[in-house]
Amino acid sequence: MNKVLIIILAVVSAAIGVFVYQSQIAQQQPEHALLYQQARPLANFELADHNGNSFSNEQLRGKWTVFFFGYTSCPDICPVTLQELNYIYPELKQLTNNQIQVALVTADPKRDSQKKLNSYIRYFNQEFIALRAGHEVLYPFARNLGLMYAIVEDATEENYLVNHSASIVLTNPNGQIHAIFKPTQATPTDIPTINSDIMLSDFKKIYQLSKIN
């Protein structure tokens, strides 16, 4: 076999290898979640958890963290989302070797006291975390995550509602914003909520990609 043929075969083999690798990577991309090609930094923050302990950037180190904004008086999106997360939590723990945490951030600190949050979050899962802070901390924290919330009725009344994102933000073990899981709606009139099966499927792909990269 002459040298030219050997070179041609080597080039073709390399091209095939690159094509196969790129095809595999494409198949591993999440179908519904927004995966940042380069993780975004998360500005310094400090909240308080449902046990009264400080929760800051330091608590994100070494773990995948699932952030969701909501509030205990929420009539629909919040309980459904927490229930969906509870369904897949055992599989998320197994996949990450127990290096994952789920955190509800209240968008209603006026009504959601530490005691109320403690009782609420423990109803869904004993290991979930509920976080609170004043709006002066929550607003920039929400914007940094790419989420939003707003009190849509008179907050002087006790039965006001809070408009908030139904999306879920994932930070990586380096404490960076890694991906966003978007809610789904079967029809325009349905409540936008996270589909646990879709989220689990996308999380598996995101996690495997993080191991490759």
C-alpha atoms as a PDB file:
ATOM      1  CA  MET A   1       0.000   0.000   0.000  1.00  0.00           C
ATOM      2  CA  ASN A   2       1.546   3.308  -1.074  1.00  0.00           C
ATOM      3  CA  LYS A   3       1.901   6.317   1.198  1.00  0.00           C
ATOM      4  CA  VAL A   4      -0.718   8.404  -0.651  1.00  0.00           C
ATOM      5  CA  LEU A   5      -3.396   5.757  -0.121  1.00  0.00           C
ATOM      6  CA  ILE A   6      -2.456   5.456   3.542  1.00  0.00           C
ATOM      7  CA  ILE A   7      -2.805   9.223   3.978  1.00  0.00           C
ATOM      8  CA  ILE A   8      -6.178   9.222   2.203  1.00  0.00           C
ATOM      9  CA  LEU A   9      -7.466   6.404   4.398  1.00  0.00           C
ATOM     10  CA  ALA A  10      -6.230   8.200   7.517  1.00  0.00           C
ATOM     11  CA  VAL A  11      -8.019  11.425   6.513  1.00  0.00           C
ATOM     12  CA  VAL A  12     -11.247   9.572   5.697  1.00  0.00           C
ATOM     13  CA  SER A  13     -11.112   7.682   9.007  1.00  0.00           C
ATOM     14  CA  ALA A  14     -10.565  10.908  10.920  1.00  0.00           C
ATOM     15  CA  ALA A  15     -13.473  12.568   9.113  1.00  0.00           C
ATOM     16  CA  ILE A  16     -15.742   9.632   9.894  1.00  0.00           C
ATOM     17  CA  GLY A  17     -14.672   9.752  13.530  1.00  0.00           C
ATOM     18  CA  VAL A  18     -15.476  13.463  13.778  1.00  0.00           C
ATOM     19  CA  PHE A  19     -18.859  12.909  12.105  1.00  0.00           C
ATOM     20  CA  VAL A  20     -19.769  10.070  14.463  1.00  0.00           C
ATOM     21  CA  TYR A  21     -18.669  12.102  17.505  1.00  0.00           C
ATOM     22  CA  GLN A  22     -20.688  15.141  16.396  1.00  0.00           C
ATOM     23  CA  SER A  23     -23.716  12.945  15.722  1.00  0.00           C
ATOM     24  CA  GLN A  24     -23.475  11.446  19.204  1.00  0.00           C
ATOM     25  CA  ILE A  25     -23.196  14.883  20.774  1.00  0.00           C
ATOM     26  CA  ALA A  26     -26.228  16.085  18.796  1.00  0.00           C
ATOM     27  CA  GLN A  27     -28.282  13.126  20.006  1.00  0.00           C
ATOM     28  CA  GLN A  28     -27.339  13.926  23.592  1.00  0.00           C
ATOM     29  CA  GLN A  29     -28.585  17.517  23.447  1.00  0.00           C
ATOM     30  CA  PRO A  30     -31.679  18.211  25.579  1.00  0.00           C
ATOM     31  CA  GLU A  31     -34.870  18.423  23.543  1.00  0.00           C
ATOM     32  CA  HIS A  32     -36.828  20.940  25.594  1.00  0.00           C
ATOM     33  CA  ALA A  33     -34.493  22.567  28.125  1.00  0.00           C
ATOM     34  CA  LEU A  34     -32.359  25.593  27.333  1.00  0.00           C
ATOM     35  CA  LEU A  35     -28.759  24.496  27.860  1.00  0.00           C
ATOM     36  CA  TYR A  36     -26.212  27.301  28.028  1.00  0.00           C
ATOM     37  CA  GLN A  37     -23.197  26.423  25.909  1.00  0.00           C
ATOM     38  CA  GLN A  38     -21.151  28.383  28.405  1.00  0.00           C
ATOM     39  CA  ALA A  39     -22.440  28.404  31.976  1.00  0.00           C
ATOM     40  CA  ARG A  40     -23.419  31.857  33.258  1.00  0.00           C
ATOM     41  CA  PRO A  41     -22.041  33.301  36.507  1.00  0.00           C
ATOM     42  CA  LEU A  42     -24.365  33.720  39.456  1.00  0.00           C
ATOM     43  CA  ALA A  43     -23.828  36.922  41.419  1.00  0.00           C
ATOM     44  CA  ASN A  44     -23.253  36.732  45.161  1.00  0.00           C
ATOM     45  CA  PHE A  45     -26.468  36.291  47.112  1.00  0.00           C
ATOM     46  CA  GLU A  46     -27.592  35.362  50.611  1.00  0.00           C
ATOM     47  CA  LEU A  47     -31.002  33.965  51.502  1.00  0.00           C
ATOM     48  CA  ALA A  48     -32.336  32.150  54.566  1.00  0.00           C
ATOM     49  CA  ASP A  49     -33.628  28.582  54.406  1.00  0.00           C
ATOM     50  CA  HIS A  50     -36.740  27.155  56.100  1.00  0.00           C
ATOM     51  CA  ASN A  51     -34.665  26.245  59.146  1.00  0.00           C
ATOM     52  CA  GLY A  52     -33.294  29.764  59.537  1.00  0.00           C
ATOM     53  CA  ASN A  53     -29.833  28.919  58.189  1.00  0.00           C
ATOM     54  CA  SER A  54     -27.957  31.071  55.702  1.00  0.00           C
ATOM     55  CA  PHE A  55     -28.052  29.883  52.091  1.00  0.00           C
ATOM     56  CA  SER A  56     -25.588  31.515  49.701  1.00  0.00           C
ATOM     57  CA  ASN A  57     -23.315  30.703  46.768  1.00  0.00           C
ATOM     58  CA  GLU A  58     -21.273  28.489  49.054  1.00  0.00           C
ATOM     59  CA  GLN A  59     -24.186  26.063  49.448  1.00  0.00           C
ATOM     60  CA  LEU A  60     -24.186  25.485  45.672  1.00  0.00           C
ATOM     61  CA  ARG A  61     -20.635  24.149  45.565  1.00  0.00           C
ATOM     62  CA  GLY A  62     -20.367  20.455  44.754  1.00  0.00           C
ATOM     63  CA  LYS A  63     -24.066  20.015  43.985  1.00  0.00           C
ATOM     64  CA  TRP A  64     -26.519  20.443  41.169  1.00  0.00           C
ATOM     65  CA  THR A  65     -29.245  22.800  42.385  1.00  0.00           C
ATOM     66  CA  VAL A  66     -32.787  23.108  41.042  1.00  0.00           C
ATOM     67  CA  PHE A  67     -34.272  26.581  41.680  1.00  0.00           C
ATOM     68  CA  PHE A  68     -37.976  27.329  41.422  1.00  0.00           C
ATOM     69  CA  PHE A  69     -39.746  30.595  42.346  1.00  0.00           C
ATOM     70  CA  GLY A  70     -43.169  30.310  43.954  1.00  0.00           C
ATOM     71  CA  TYR A  71     -45.099  30.889  47.184  1.00  0.00           C
ATOM     72  CA  THR A  72     -47.146  28.894  49.673  1.00  0.00           C
ATOM     73  CA  SER A  73     -50.468  30.571  48.788  1.00  0.00           C
ATOM     74  CA  CYS A  74     -50.063  29.700  45.109  1.00  0.00           C
ATOM     75  CA  PRO A  75     -53.247  27.905  44.004  1.00  0.00           C
ATOM     76  CA  ASP A  76     -51.883  25.859  41.104  1.00  0.00           C
ATOM     77  CA  ILE A  77     -48.394  26.098  39.552  1.00  0.00           C
ATOM     78  CA  CYS A  78     -46.389  25.740  42.771  1.00  0.00           C
ATOM     79  CA  PRO A  79     -47.969  22.620  44.278  1.00  0.00           C
ATOM     80  CA  VAL A  80     -48.059  20.900  40.891  1.00  0.00           C
ATOM     81  CA  THR A  81     -44.408  21.742  40.188  1.00  0.00           C
ATOM     82  CA  LEU A  82     -43.233  20.567  43.601  1.00  0.00           C
ATOM     83  CA  GLN A  83     -45.207  17.351  43.163  1.00  0.00           C
ATOM     84  CA  GLU A  84     -43.600  16.766  39.755  1.00  0.00           C
ATOM     85  CA  LEU A  85     -40.145  17.380  41.217  1.00  0.00           C
ATOM     86  CA  ASN A  86     -40.890  14.977  44.032  1.00  0.00           C
ATOM     87  CA  TYR A  87     -41.756  12.265  41.493  1.00  0.00           C
ATOM     88  CA  ILE A  88     -38.345  12.375  39.821  1.00  0.00           C
ATOM     89  CA  TYR A  89     -36.232  13.313  42.845  1.00  0.00           C
ATOM     90  CA  PRO A  90     -35.148   9.713  43.646  1.00  0.00           C
ATOM     91  CA  GLU A  91     -33.900   9.250  40.083  1.00  0.00           C
ATOM     92  CA  LEU A  92     -32.119  12.606  40.125  1.00  0.00           C
ATOM     93  CA  LYS A  93     -30.352  11.595  43.333  1.00  0.00           C
ATOM     94  CA  GLN A  94     -29.320   8.258  41.900  1.00  0.00           C
ATOM     95  CA  LEU A  95     -28.056   9.803  38.670  1.00  0.00           C
ATOM     96  CA  THR A  96     -25.943  12.452  40.431  1.00  0.00           C
ATOM     97  CA  ASN A  97     -24.751  10.184  43.229  1.00  0.00           C
ATOM     98  CA  ASN A  98     -26.865  12.165  45.690  1.00  0.00           C
ATOM     99  CA  GLN A  99     -25.293  15.460  44.620  1.00  0.00           C
ATOM    100  CA  ILE A 100     -28.487  17.390  43.948  1.00  0.00           C
ATOM    101  CA  GLN A 101     -30.804  19.709  45.876  1.00  0.00           C
ATOM    102  CA  VAL A 102     -34.205  21.227  45.130  1.00  0.00           C
ATOM    103  CA  ALA A 103     -34.895  24.768  46.345  1.00  0.00           C
ATOM    104  CA  LEU A 104     -38.160  26.693  46.318  1.00  0.00           C
ATOM    105  CA  VAL A 105     -37.568  30.453  46.563  1.00  0.00           C
ATOM    106  CA  THR A 106     -40.624  32.284  47.889  1.00  0.00           C
ATOM    107  CA  ALA A 107     -41.712  35.324  45.928  1.00  0.00           C
ATOM    108  CA  ASP A 108     -43.982  36.281  48.823  1.00  0.00           C
ATOM    109  CA  PRO A 109     -41.785  36.902  51.887  1.00  0.00           C
ATOM    110  CA  LYS A 110     -44.499  39.032  53.503  1.00  0.00           C
ATOM    111  CA  ARG A 111     -46.778  36.025  54.097  1.00  0.00           C
ATOM    112  CA  ASP A 112     -44.231  33.208  53.853  1.00  0.00           C
ATOM    113  CA  SER A 113     -42.533  33.160  57.226  1.00  0.00           C
ATOM    114  CA  GLN A 114     -39.796  30.686  58.056  1.00  0.00           C
ATOM    115  CA  LYS A 115     -42.292  28.585  60.013  1.00  0.00           C
ATOM    116  CA  LYS A 116     -44.814  28.548  57.180  1.00  0.00           C
ATOM    117  CA  LEU A 117     -42.169  27.625  54.622  1.00  0.00           C
ATOM    118  CA  ASN A 118     -40.899  24.839  56.864  1.00  0.00           C
ATOM    119  CA  SER A 119     -44.316  23.243  57.106  1.00  0.00           C
ATOM    120  CA  TYR A 120     -45.059  23.747  53.398  1.00  0.00           C
ATOM    121  CA  ILE A 121     -41.865  22.344  51.895  1.00  0.00           C
ATOM    122  CA  ARG A 122     -41.739  19.346  54.233  1.00  0.00           C
ATOM    123  CA  TYR A 123     -45.199  18.341  53.025  1.00  0.00           C
ATOM    124  CA  PHE A 124     -43.771  17.671  49.557  1.00  0.00           C
ATOM    125  CA  ASN A 125     -40.362  16.303  50.474  1.00  0.00           C
ATOM    126  CA  GLN A 126     -38.337  16.254  53.683  1.00  0.00           C
ATOM    127  CA  GLU A 127     -35.133  16.974  51.742  1.00  0.00           C
ATOM    128  CA  PHE A 128     -36.373  19.918  49.687  1.00  0.00           C
ATOM    129  CA  ILE A 129     -35.271  23.424  50.686  1.00  0.00           C
ATOM    130  CA  ALA A 130     -37.403  26.573  50.941  1.00  0.00           C
ATOM    131  CA  LEU A 131     -35.679  29.966  50.801  1.00  0.00           C
ATOM    132  CA  ARG A 132     -36.713  33.510  51.631  1.00  0.00           C
ATOM    133  CA  ALA A 133     -35.354  37.065  51.717  1.00  0.00           C
ATOM    134  CA  GLY A 134     -36.592  40.609  51.291  1.00  0.00           C
ATOM    135  CA  HIS A 135     -37.556  41.882  47.853  1.00  0.00           C
ATOM    136  CA  GLU A 136     -34.370  43.954  47.718  1.00  0.00           C
ATOM    137  CA  VAL A 137     -32.507  40.620  47.555  1.00  0.00           C
ATOM    138  CA  LEU A 138     -35.098  38.570  45.666  1.00  0.00           C
ATOM    139  CA  TYR A 139     -35.554  40.879  42.677  1.00  0.00           C
ATOM    140  CA  PRO A 140     -31.888  40.940  41.566  1.00  0.00           C
ATOM    141  CA  PHE A 141     -31.534  37.238  42.391  1.00  0.00           C
ATOM    142  CA  ALA A 142     -34.525  36.370  40.189  1.00  0.00           C
ATOM    143  CA  ARG A 143     -33.244  38.535  37.325  1.00  0.00           C
ATOM    144  CA  ASN A 144     -29.816  36.931  37.554  1.00  0.00           C
ATOM    145  CA  LEU A 145     -31.403  33.483  37.246  1.00  0.00           C
ATOM    146  CA  GLY A 146     -33.445  34.630  34.257  1.00  0.00           C
ATOM    147  CA  LEU A 147     -36.758  34.429  36.124  1.00  0.00           C
ATOM    148  CA  MET A 148     -39.352  36.989  37.150  1.00  0.00           C
ATOM    149  CA  TYR A 149     -42.100  37.623  39.656  1.00  0.00           C
ATOM    150  CA  ALA A 150     -44.468  40.455  40.477  1.00  0.00           C
ATOM    151  CA  ILE A 151     -47.252  41.057  42.975  1.00  0.00           C
ATOM    152  CA  VAL A 152     -50.263  41.604  40.745  1.00  0.00           C
ATOM    153  CA  GLU A 153     -52.820  42.740  43.317  1.00  0.00           C
ATOM    154  CA  ASP A 154     -52.932  45.053  46.300  1.00  0.00           C
ATOM    155  CA  ALA A 155     -50.409  43.634  48.778  1.00  0.00           C
ATOM    156  CA  THR A 156     -52.266  45.333  51.639  1.00  0.00           C
ATOM    157  CA  GLU A 157     -54.943  42.668  51.220  1.00  0.00           C
ATOM    158  CA  GLU A 158     -54.300  39.180  52.556  1.00  0.00           C
ATOM    159  CA  ASN A 159     -55.524  37.292  49.498  1.00  0.00           C
ATOM    160  CA  TYR A 160     -53.338  38.852  46.817  1.00  0.00           C
ATOM    161  CA  LEU A 161     -51.729  36.760  44.097  1.00  0.00           C
ATOM    162  CA  VAL A 162     -48.120  36.741  42.893  1.00  0.00           C
ATOM    163  CA  ASN A 163     -47.303  36.355  39.224  1.00  0.00           C
ATOM    164  CA  HIS A 164     -44.119  34.305  38.798  1.00  0.00           C
ATOM    165  CA  SER A 165     -42.159  32.240  36.295  1.00  0.00           C
ATOM    166  CA  ALA A 166     -43.032  28.570  35.997  1.00  0.00           C
ATOM    167  CA  SER A 167     -39.558  27.762  34.642  1.00  0.00           C
ATOM    168  CA  ILE A 168     -36.931  25.909  36.665  1.00  0.00           C
ATOM    169  CA  VAL A 169     -33.270  26.963  36.723  1.00  0.00           C
ATOM    170  CA  LEU A 170     -30.427  24.484  37.118  1.00  0.00           C
ATOM    171  CA  THR A 171     -27.061  25.496  38.543  1.00  0.00           C
ATOM    172  CA  ASN A 172     -24.029  23.220  38.289  1.00  0.00           C
ATOM    173  CA  PRO A 173     -21.623  22.107  41.036  1.00  0.00           C
ATOM    174  CA  ASN A 174     -19.498  25.180  40.315  1.00  0.00           C
ATOM    175  CA  GLY A 175     -22.419  27.405  41.313  1.00  0.00           C
ATOM    176  CA  GLN A 176     -23.030  28.601  37.736  1.00  0.00           C
ATOM    177  CA  ILE A 177     -26.322  28.861  35.857  1.00  0.00           C
ATOM    178  CA  HIS A 178     -26.276  25.808  33.588  1.00  0.00           C
ATOM    179  CA  ALA A 179     -29.751  25.318  32.094  1.00  0.00           C
ATOM    180  CA  ILE A 180     -33.417  26.319  32.242  1.00  0.00           C
ATOM    181  CA  PHE A 181     -36.292  23.860  32.109  1.00  0.00           C
ATOM    182  CA  LYS A 182     -39.344  25.406  30.452  1.00  0.00           C
ATOM    183  CA  PRO A 183     -42.945  24.590  31.413  1.00  0.00           C
ATOM    184  CA  THR A 184     -45.345  22.989  28.964  1.00  0.00           C
ATOM    185  CA  GLN A 185     -49.011  23.619  28.161  1.00  0.00           C
ATOM    186  CA  ALA A 186     -51.275  21.150  26.370  1.00  0.00           C
ATOM    187  CA  THR A 187     -53.568  24.050  25.399  1.00  0.00           C
ATOM    188  CA  PRO A 188     -53.234  27.845  25.737  1.00  0.00           C
ATOM    189  CA  THR A 189     -55.726  27.809  28.621  1.00  0.00           C
ATOM    190  CA  ASP A 190     -53.864  25.158  30.632  1.00  0.00           C
ATOM    191  CA  ILE A 191     -51.655  26.010  33.590  1.00  0.00           C
ATOM    192  CA  PRO A 192     -47.978  26.078  32.515  1.00  0.00           C
ATOM    193  CA  THR A 193     -46.185  23.405  34.526  1.00  0.00           C
ATOM    194  CA  ILE A 194     -43.071  21.287  34.350  1.00  0.00           C
ATOM    195  CA  ASN A 195     -43.513  17.807  32.895  1.00  0.00           C
ATOM    196  CA  SER A 196     -41.436  15.544  35.148  1.00  0.00           C
ATOM    197  CA  ASP A 197     -40.769  12.933  32.432  1.00  0.00           C
ATOM    198  CA  ILE A 198     -39.503  15.564  29.995  1.00  0.00           C
ATOM    199  CA  MET A 199     -37.391  17.247  32.665  1.00  0.00           C
ATOM    200  CA  LEU A 200     -35.829  13.953  33.763  1.00  0.00           C
ATOM    201  CA  SER A 201     -34.993  13.010  30.176  1.00  0.00           C
ATOM    202  CA  ASP A 202     -33.361  16.379  29.510  1.00  0.00           C
ATOM    203  CA  PHE A 203     -31.530  16.393  32.840  1.00  0.00           C
ATOM    204  CA  LYS A 204     -29.973  13.011  32.024  1.00  0.00           C
ATOM    205  CA  LYS A 205     -28.624  14.420  28.752  1.00  0.00           C
ATOM    206  CA  ILE A 206     -27.372  17.604  30.415  1.00  0.00           C
ATOM    207  CA  TYR A 207     -25.639  15.600  33.113  1.00  0.00           C
ATOM    208  CA  GLN A 208     -23.943  13.265  30.610  1.00  0.00           C
ATOM    209  CA  LEU A 209     -22.803  16.217  28.503  1.00  0.00           C
ATOM    210  CA  SER A 210     -21.257  17.806  31.601  1.00  0.00           C
ATOM    211  CA  LYS A 211     -19.154  14.664  32.031  1.00  0.00           C
ATOM    212  CA  ILE A 212     -17.947  14.838  28.421  1.00  0.00           C
ATOM    213  CA  ASN A 213     -17.084  18.515  28.629  1.00  0.00           C
END
